[in-house]
Amino acid sequence: MATMRGLTAVLWEGEDYTRTKLSKPDRDDHAPLLLLAQQQLLEYFDRKRTVFDLPLDMQGTPFQLKVWEALLTIPYGQTKTYGDLARLLGDIKAVRAVGGALNKNPISIIVPCHRVIGGTGKLVGFAGGLKNKSILIDLEMKDRTPTLFD
């Protein structure tokens, strides 16, 4: 889904757009921005792209927008915990609110909520399902160059 300002949603197959709280979109499978998003997603899954270069039109509450902007700072092949994000936003007590904002993230993969894991390192919560979250993390970790600290 997109507006004139940018991409508003990347939904999972069979997903109901109402989870995102966005209005029902007009379908235009030939919109240039959607074709570009499709191309970049294919490159990502082919391991030829680690950063997306698309205009985004994120629509949410001020808190959700802060959380989603923070997601964009998590590099490809790395993960953060819900607590890490809450600390980054300046309120360690906001862990549950961060989780709620991630659940409403309408731009899956491109705004990488799949890179957020539980405090114990386990995969938890993901609108696309934990199996898909695991696939995305595995895809990115296979490309990751080990560091001295691994």
N, C-alpha and C. Protein backbone atom coordinates (compact mmCIF):
# COMPACT_ATOMS: atom_id res chain seq x y z
N MET A 1 0.84 -1.16 0.00
CA MET A 1 0.00 0.00 0.00
C MET A 1 0.89 1.23 0.00
N ALA A 2 0.44 2.28 -0.68
CA ALA A 2 1.23 3.49 -0.77
C ALA A 2 0.33 4.71 -0.95
N THR A 3 0.87 5.85 -0.57
CA THR A 3 0.25 7.14 -0.86
C THR A 3 1.20 7.88 -1.79
N MET A 4 0.85 9.10 -2.09
CA MET A 4 1.72 9.93 -2.93
C MET A 4 3.03 10.25 -2.20
N ARG A 5 3.03 10.16 -0.86
CA ARG A 5 4.22 10.48 -0.06
C ARG A 5 5.16 9.30 0.12
N GLY A 6 4.61 8.08 0.06
CA GLY A 6 5.47 6.93 0.26
C GLY A 6 4.72 5.66 0.58
N LEU A 7 5.49 4.63 0.82
CA LEU A 7 4.96 3.31 1.14
C LEU A 7 4.30 3.35 2.51
N THR A 8 3.09 2.82 2.61
CA THR A 8 2.39 2.81 3.90
C THR A 8 2.28 1.42 4.50
N ALA A 9 2.37 0.37 3.67
CA ALA A 9 2.23 -0.97 4.23
C ALA A 9 2.83 -2.02 3.31
N VAL A 10 3.41 -3.04 3.95
CA VAL A 10 3.80 -4.29 3.29
C VAL A 10 3.14 -5.36 4.14
N LEU A 11 2.13 -5.99 3.59
CA LEU A 11 1.36 -6.95 4.36
C LEU A 11 1.71 -8.38 3.98
N TRP A 12 1.49 -9.28 4.90
CA TRP A 12 1.74 -10.70 4.67
C TRP A 12 0.61 -11.28 3.85
N GLU A 13 0.90 -12.28 3.07
CA GLU A 13 -0.11 -12.94 2.25
C GLU A 13 -1.27 -13.38 3.14
N GLY A 14 -2.46 -13.00 2.73
CA GLY A 14 -3.64 -13.37 3.49
C GLY A 14 -3.92 -12.49 4.69
N GLU A 15 -3.04 -11.52 4.96
CA GLU A 15 -3.23 -10.66 6.13
C GLU A 15 -4.32 -9.63 5.87
N ASP A 16 -5.11 -9.37 6.88
CA ASP A 16 -6.15 -8.36 6.82
C ASP A 16 -5.50 -7.01 7.15
N TYR A 17 -5.61 -6.06 6.26
CA TYR A 17 -4.98 -4.76 6.45
C TYR A 17 -5.47 -4.04 7.71
N THR A 18 -6.61 -4.45 8.29
CA THR A 18 -7.16 -3.72 9.44
C THR A 18 -6.27 -3.82 10.67
N ARG A 19 -5.37 -4.80 10.75
CA ARG A 19 -4.43 -4.87 11.89
C ARG A 19 -3.64 -3.58 12.00
N THR A 20 -3.37 -2.97 10.87
CA THR A 20 -2.53 -1.77 10.84
C THR A 20 -3.29 -0.50 11.17
N LYS A 21 -4.62 -0.59 11.20
CA LYS A 21 -5.49 0.57 11.45
C LYS A 21 -5.47 1.56 10.29
N LEU A 22 -4.97 1.15 9.13
CA LEU A 22 -4.99 2.00 7.95
C LEU A 22 -6.33 1.86 7.24
N SER A 23 -6.69 2.88 6.49
CA SER A 23 -7.95 2.79 5.74
C SER A 23 -7.79 1.80 4.58
N LYS A 24 -8.91 1.30 4.09
CA LYS A 24 -8.87 0.32 3.01
C LYS A 24 -8.24 0.96 1.77
N PRO A 25 -7.22 0.30 1.23
CA PRO A 25 -6.51 0.91 0.09
C PRO A 25 -7.24 0.68 -1.23
N ASP A 26 -6.98 1.59 -2.15
CA ASP A 26 -7.34 1.35 -3.53
C ASP A 26 -6.22 0.50 -4.11
N ARG A 27 -6.56 -0.52 -4.84
CA ARG A 27 -5.55 -1.42 -5.37
C ARG A 27 -5.03 -0.90 -6.71
N ASP A 28 -3.69 -0.78 -6.79
CA ASP A 28 -3.03 -0.38 -8.04
C ASP A 28 -1.73 -1.15 -8.14
N ASP A 29 -1.79 -2.33 -8.71
CA ASP A 29 -0.62 -3.20 -8.79
C ASP A 29 0.47 -2.65 -9.71
N HIS A 30 0.18 -1.57 -10.42
CA HIS A 30 1.16 -1.01 -11.35
C HIS A 30 1.72 0.32 -10.87
N ALA A 31 1.42 0.71 -9.65
CA ALA A 31 1.96 1.96 -9.10
C ALA A 31 3.48 1.85 -9.05
N PRO A 32 4.19 2.85 -9.58
CA PRO A 32 5.66 2.78 -9.62
C PRO A 32 6.31 2.49 -8.26
N LEU A 33 5.81 3.11 -7.19
CA LEU A 33 6.41 2.86 -5.88
C LEU A 33 6.21 1.41 -5.44
N LEU A 34 5.06 0.84 -5.72
CA LEU A 34 4.83 -0.55 -5.34
C LEU A 34 5.70 -1.50 -6.16
N LEU A 35 5.90 -1.18 -7.42
CA LEU A 35 6.80 -2.00 -8.25
C LEU A 35 8.23 -1.90 -7.75
N LEU A 36 8.65 -0.70 -7.33
CA LEU A 36 10.00 -0.53 -6.78
C LEU A 36 10.13 -1.29 -5.46
N ALA A 37 9.10 -1.23 -4.62
CA ALA A 37 9.13 -1.98 -3.35
C ALA A 37 9.23 -3.48 -3.63
N GLN A 38 8.47 -3.95 -4.60
CA GLN A 38 8.52 -5.37 -4.97
C GLN A 38 9.93 -5.75 -5.42
N GLN A 39 10.53 -4.91 -6.24
CA GLN A 39 11.90 -5.18 -6.73
C GLN A 39 12.88 -5.24 -5.57
N GLN A 40 12.80 -4.28 -4.66
CA GLN A 40 13.74 -4.24 -3.53
C GLN A 40 13.52 -5.42 -2.59
N LEU A 41 12.28 -5.83 -2.40
CA LEU A 41 12.02 -7.00 -1.56
C LEU A 41 12.58 -8.27 -2.21
N LEU A 42 12.43 -8.40 -3.52
CA LEU A 42 13.02 -9.55 -4.22
C LEU A 42 14.54 -9.55 -4.07
N GLU A 43 15.17 -8.39 -4.17
CA GLU A 43 16.62 -8.28 -3.99
C GLU A 43 17.01 -8.67 -2.56
N TYR A 44 16.21 -8.26 -1.59
CA TYR A 44 16.46 -8.61 -0.18
C TYR A 44 16.43 -10.13 -0.02
N PHE A 45 15.39 -10.77 -0.56
CA PHE A 45 15.27 -12.22 -0.41
C PHE A 45 16.32 -12.97 -1.23
N ASP A 46 16.87 -12.35 -2.26
CA ASP A 46 17.97 -12.93 -3.04
C ASP A 46 19.33 -12.61 -2.42
N ARG A 47 19.32 -11.94 -1.25
CA ARG A 47 20.54 -11.54 -0.52
C ARG A 47 21.40 -10.56 -1.31
N LYS A 48 20.75 -9.73 -2.10
CA LYS A 48 21.46 -8.71 -2.88
C LYS A 48 21.19 -7.32 -2.31
N ARG A 49 20.38 -7.21 -1.28
CA ARG A 49 20.04 -5.92 -0.69
C ARG A 49 19.98 -6.06 0.83
N THR A 50 20.68 -5.14 1.52
CA THR A 50 20.65 -5.14 2.98
C THR A 50 20.00 -3.87 3.53
N VAL A 51 19.81 -2.89 2.67
CA VAL A 51 19.18 -1.62 3.06
C VAL A 51 18.14 -1.27 2.01
N PHE A 52 16.96 -0.86 2.48
CA PHE A 52 15.91 -0.44 1.56
C PHE A 52 16.00 1.06 1.32
N ASP A 53 15.71 1.46 0.11
CA ASP A 53 15.78 2.85 -0.30
C ASP A 53 14.43 3.24 -0.89
N LEU A 54 13.45 3.38 -0.02
CA LEU A 54 12.09 3.69 -0.45
C LEU A 54 11.53 4.83 0.40
N PRO A 55 10.76 5.72 -0.20
CA PRO A 55 10.09 6.73 0.63
C PRO A 55 9.00 6.04 1.44
N LEU A 56 8.92 6.40 2.72
CA LEU A 56 7.94 5.80 3.61
C LEU A 56 6.94 6.85 4.06
N ASP A 57 5.70 6.46 4.18
CA ASP A 57 4.65 7.31 4.74
C ASP A 57 4.05 6.54 5.91
N MET A 58 4.80 6.51 7.02
CA MET A 58 4.36 5.76 8.19
C MET A 58 3.22 6.52 8.86
N GLN A 59 2.15 5.80 9.15
CA GLN A 59 0.96 6.40 9.74
C GLN A 59 0.63 5.69 11.04
N GLY A 60 0.76 6.41 12.13
CA GLY A 60 0.48 5.84 13.44
C GLY A 60 0.47 6.93 14.49
N THR A 61 0.41 6.52 15.74
CA THR A 61 0.45 7.48 16.84
C THR A 61 1.86 8.03 16.95
N PRO A 62 2.04 9.16 17.66
CA PRO A 62 3.39 9.67 17.85
C PRO A 62 4.34 8.64 18.46
N PHE A 63 3.86 7.86 19.45
CA PHE A 63 4.71 6.84 20.05
C PHE A 63 5.05 5.75 19.05
N GLN A 64 4.07 5.26 18.30
CA GLN A 64 4.34 4.24 17.29
C GLN A 64 5.38 4.73 16.29
N LEU A 65 5.25 5.97 15.85
CA LEU A 65 6.21 6.52 14.89
C LEU A 65 7.62 6.54 15.46
N LYS A 66 7.75 6.88 16.75
CA LYS A 66 9.08 6.86 17.40
C LYS A 66 9.65 5.46 17.41
N VAL A 67 8.82 4.48 17.74
CA VAL A 67 9.27 3.09 17.79
C VAL A 67 9.68 2.64 16.39
N TRP A 68 8.86 2.93 15.39
CA TRP A 68 9.16 2.49 14.03
C TRP A 68 10.42 3.16 13.49
N GLU A 69 10.62 4.42 13.84
CA GLU A 69 11.86 5.11 13.44
C GLU A 69 13.07 4.43 14.10
N ALA A 70 12.91 4.01 15.36
CA ALA A 70 13.99 3.31 16.05
C ALA A 70 14.31 1.99 15.37
N LEU A 71 13.29 1.31 14.85
CA LEU A 71 13.53 0.05 14.13
C LEU A 71 14.45 0.26 12.94
N LEU A 72 14.31 1.39 12.29
CA LEU A 72 15.12 1.67 11.10
C LEU A 72 16.60 1.81 11.43
N THR A 73 16.94 1.94 12.71
CA THR A 73 18.35 2.06 13.11
C THR A 73 18.99 0.70 13.40
N ILE A 74 18.21 -0.37 13.41
CA ILE A 74 18.76 -1.70 13.67
C ILE A 74 19.35 -2.23 12.37
N PRO A 75 20.66 -2.41 12.33
CA PRO A 75 21.29 -2.84 11.08
C PRO A 75 20.91 -4.26 10.67
N TYR A 76 20.97 -4.49 9.39
CA TYR A 76 20.77 -5.81 8.79
C TYR A 76 21.66 -6.82 9.52
N GLY A 77 21.11 -7.97 9.85
CA GLY A 77 21.90 -9.03 10.47
C GLY A 77 22.09 -8.86 11.96
N GLN A 78 21.46 -7.85 12.57
CA GLN A 78 21.58 -7.65 14.01
C GLN A 78 20.20 -7.65 14.64
N THR A 79 20.15 -7.91 15.93
CA THR A 79 18.88 -7.88 16.64
C THR A 79 19.00 -7.01 17.87
N LYS A 80 17.86 -6.57 18.35
CA LYS A 80 17.76 -5.86 19.61
C LYS A 80 16.58 -6.46 20.37
N THR A 81 16.56 -6.27 21.66
CA THR A 81 15.44 -6.74 22.46
C THR A 81 14.41 -5.62 22.62
N TYR A 82 13.23 -6.00 23.07
CA TYR A 82 12.21 -5.00 23.36
C TYR A 82 12.74 -4.01 24.40
N GLY A 83 13.48 -4.52 25.38
CA GLY A 83 14.08 -3.65 26.39
C GLY A 83 15.10 -2.69 25.79
N ASP A 84 15.90 -3.17 24.84
CA ASP A 84 16.85 -2.29 24.16
C ASP A 84 16.13 -1.12 23.51
N LEU A 85 15.02 -1.43 22.83
CA LEU A 85 14.26 -0.36 22.17
C LEU A 85 13.66 0.61 23.18
N ALA A 86 13.13 0.08 24.27
CA ALA A 86 12.56 0.94 25.31
C ALA A 86 13.64 1.87 25.87
N ARG A 87 14.83 1.33 26.13
CA ARG A 87 15.94 2.16 26.62
C ARG A 87 16.32 3.21 25.58
N LEU A 88 16.39 2.81 24.34
CA LEU A 88 16.73 3.74 23.26
C LEU A 88 15.73 4.89 23.21
N LEU A 89 14.47 4.59 23.52
CA LEU A 89 13.43 5.62 23.51
C LEU A 89 13.38 6.40 24.82
N GLY A 90 14.21 6.01 25.79
CA GLY A 90 14.31 6.76 27.03
C GLY A 90 13.40 6.31 28.15
N ASP A 91 12.79 5.14 28.05
CA ASP A 91 11.89 4.68 29.11
C ASP A 91 11.87 3.16 29.17
N ILE A 92 12.70 2.58 30.02
CA ILE A 92 12.81 1.13 30.13
C ILE A 92 11.48 0.50 30.51
N LYS A 93 10.59 1.25 31.14
CA LYS A 93 9.28 0.72 31.54
C LYS A 93 8.33 0.60 30.35
N ALA A 94 8.72 1.09 29.19
CA ALA A 94 7.84 1.09 28.01
C ALA A 94 7.95 -0.18 27.18
N VAL A 95 8.48 -1.26 27.77
CA VAL A 95 8.69 -2.49 27.01
C VAL A 95 7.39 -3.01 26.40
N ARG A 96 6.33 -3.05 27.18
CA ARG A 96 5.05 -3.54 26.65
C ARG A 96 4.49 -2.60 25.57
N ALA A 97 4.65 -1.31 25.78
CA ALA A 97 4.18 -0.35 24.78
C ALA A 97 4.96 -0.50 23.48
N VAL A 98 6.25 -0.78 23.59
CA VAL A 98 7.07 -1.03 22.41
C VAL A 98 6.53 -2.25 21.67
N GLY A 99 6.23 -3.30 22.41
CA GLY A 99 5.66 -4.51 21.80
C GLY A 99 4.35 -4.22 21.09
N GLY A 100 3.52 -3.40 21.71
CA GLY A 100 2.25 -3.03 21.08
C GLY A 100 2.45 -2.25 19.79
N ALA A 101 3.44 -1.36 19.78
CA ALA A 101 3.74 -0.58 18.58
C ALA A 101 4.29 -1.48 17.48
N LEU A 102 5.11 -2.46 17.86
CA LEU A 102 5.65 -3.38 16.86
C LEU A 102 4.53 -4.19 16.23
N ASN A 103 3.53 -4.56 17.02
CA ASN A 103 2.41 -5.33 16.50
C ASN A 103 1.62 -4.55 15.45
N LYS A 104 1.65 -3.25 15.53
CA LYS A 104 0.91 -2.41 14.58
C LYS A 104 1.78 -1.93 13.42
N ASN A 105 3.05 -2.32 13.39
CA ASN A 105 3.94 -1.89 12.30
C ASN A 105 3.37 -2.36 10.96
N PRO A 106 2.98 -1.43 10.09
CA PRO A 106 2.36 -1.84 8.84
C PRO A 106 3.37 -2.13 7.72
N ILE A 107 4.63 -1.78 7.93
CA ILE A 107 5.60 -1.90 6.84
C ILE A 107 6.61 -2.99 7.18
N SER A 108 6.10 -4.22 7.25
CA SER A 108 6.93 -5.37 7.62
C SER A 108 8.15 -5.47 6.71
N ILE A 109 9.20 -6.03 7.26
CA ILE A 109 10.49 -6.29 6.63
C ILE A 109 11.24 -4.99 6.38
N ILE A 110 10.64 -4.03 5.70
CA ILE A 110 11.32 -2.78 5.38
C ILE A 110 11.53 -1.96 6.65
N VAL A 111 10.54 -1.90 7.51
CA VAL A 111 10.69 -1.36 8.86
C VAL A 111 10.81 -2.61 9.73
N PRO A 112 12.07 -2.99 10.05
CA PRO A 112 12.39 -4.36 10.45
C PRO A 112 12.04 -4.78 11.87
N CYS A 113 10.75 -4.95 12.15
CA CYS A 113 10.35 -5.42 13.48
C CYS A 113 10.78 -6.87 13.71
N HIS A 114 11.12 -7.59 12.64
CA HIS A 114 11.58 -8.97 12.82
C HIS A 114 12.93 -9.02 13.52
N ARG A 115 13.64 -7.91 13.59
CA ARG A 115 14.94 -7.86 14.25
C ARG A 115 14.84 -7.64 15.75
N VAL A 116 13.63 -7.64 16.28
CA VAL A 116 13.42 -7.45 17.72
C VAL A 116 13.05 -8.80 18.33
N ILE A 117 13.81 -9.17 19.35
CA ILE A 117 13.63 -10.47 20.00
C ILE A 117 13.36 -10.27 21.49
N GLY A 118 12.96 -11.34 22.14
CA GLY A 118 12.72 -11.28 23.59
C GLY A 118 14.01 -11.13 24.37
N GLY A 119 13.89 -10.71 25.61
CA GLY A 119 15.05 -10.48 26.46
C GLY A 119 15.90 -11.72 26.68
N THR A 120 15.31 -12.90 26.53
CA THR A 120 16.05 -14.15 26.71
C THR A 120 16.70 -14.62 25.41
N GLY A 121 16.48 -13.85 24.34
CA GLY A 121 17.03 -14.24 23.04
C GLY A 121 16.07 -15.07 22.20
N LYS A 122 14.90 -15.35 22.75
CA LYS A 122 13.91 -16.15 22.01
C LYS A 122 13.12 -15.26 21.06
N LEU A 123 12.61 -15.88 20.01
CA LEU A 123 11.74 -15.18 19.08
C LEU A 123 10.35 -15.09 19.69
N VAL A 124 9.85 -13.88 19.79
CA VAL A 124 8.51 -13.66 20.32
C VAL A 124 7.80 -12.63 19.47
N GLY A 125 6.49 -12.74 19.41
CA GLY A 125 5.65 -11.74 18.77
C GLY A 125 6.07 -11.29 17.39
N PHE A 126 5.24 -11.57 16.40
CA PHE A 126 5.50 -11.09 15.05
C PHE A 126 4.22 -11.26 14.24
N ALA A 127 3.77 -10.18 13.63
CA ALA A 127 2.51 -10.21 12.88
C ALA A 127 2.54 -11.24 11.76
N GLY A 128 3.71 -11.48 11.19
CA GLY A 128 3.84 -12.46 10.12
C GLY A 128 4.01 -13.89 10.61
N GLY A 129 4.00 -14.07 11.92
CA GLY A 129 4.18 -15.39 12.52
C GLY A 129 5.64 -15.67 12.85
N LEU A 130 5.85 -16.45 13.88
CA LEU A 130 7.22 -16.73 14.34
C LEU A 130 8.03 -17.51 13.31
N LYS A 131 7.38 -18.36 12.52
CA LYS A 131 8.11 -19.08 11.48
C LYS A 131 8.72 -18.10 10.47
N ASN A 132 7.95 -17.11 10.05
CA ASN A 132 8.47 -16.11 9.11
C ASN A 132 9.55 -15.24 9.75
N LYS A 133 9.36 -14.92 11.03
CA LYS A 133 10.37 -14.14 11.74
C LYS A 133 11.70 -14.91 11.74
N SER A 134 11.63 -16.19 12.02
CA SER A 134 12.82 -17.03 12.02
C SER A 134 13.47 -17.07 10.64
N ILE A 135 12.67 -17.18 9.61
CA ILE A 135 13.20 -17.20 8.24
C ILE A 135 13.94 -15.90 7.93
N LEU A 136 13.35 -14.76 8.31
CA LEU A 136 13.98 -13.46 8.04
C LEU A 136 15.28 -13.30 8.82
N ILE A 137 15.28 -13.66 10.08
CA ILE A 137 16.51 -13.54 10.88
C ILE A 137 17.58 -14.48 10.33
N ASP A 138 17.21 -15.71 10.01
CA ASP A 138 18.18 -16.66 9.44
C ASP A 138 18.75 -16.14 8.13
N LEU A 139 17.90 -15.58 7.28
CA LEU A 139 18.36 -15.03 6.00
C LEU A 139 19.42 -13.97 6.24
N GLU A 140 19.18 -13.08 7.19
CA GLU A 140 20.12 -12.00 7.47
C GLU A 140 21.37 -12.49 8.18
N MET A 141 21.24 -13.44 9.07
CA MET A 141 22.40 -13.92 9.82
C MET A 141 23.35 -14.71 8.93
N LYS A 142 22.84 -15.37 7.90
CA LYS A 142 23.71 -16.11 6.99
C LYS A 142 24.65 -15.19 6.23
N ASP A 143 24.22 -13.95 6.02
CA ASP A 143 25.04 -12.99 5.29
C ASP A 143 25.99 -12.23 6.21
N ARG A 144 25.78 -12.36 7.49
CA ARG A 144 26.53 -11.56 8.45
C ARG A 144 27.97 -12.06 8.58
N THR A 145 28.90 -11.13 8.54
CA THR A 145 30.29 -11.45 8.74
C THR A 145 30.57 -11.50 10.24
N PRO A 146 31.09 -12.62 10.75
CA PRO A 146 31.38 -12.69 12.18
C PRO A 146 32.38 -11.60 12.59
N THR A 147 32.19 -11.09 13.80
CA THR A 147 33.10 -10.08 14.32
C THR A 147 33.98 -10.71 15.38
N LEU A 148 34.93 -9.96 15.85
CA LEU A 148 35.85 -10.41 16.89
C LEU A 148 35.09 -10.84 18.15
N PHE A 149 33.90 -10.27 18.37
CA PHE A 149 33.15 -10.52 19.58
C PHE A 149 32.16 -11.67 19.47
N ASP A 150 32.04 -12.29 18.29
CA ASP A 150 31.11 -13.43 18.11
C ASP A 150 31.67 -14.68 18.73
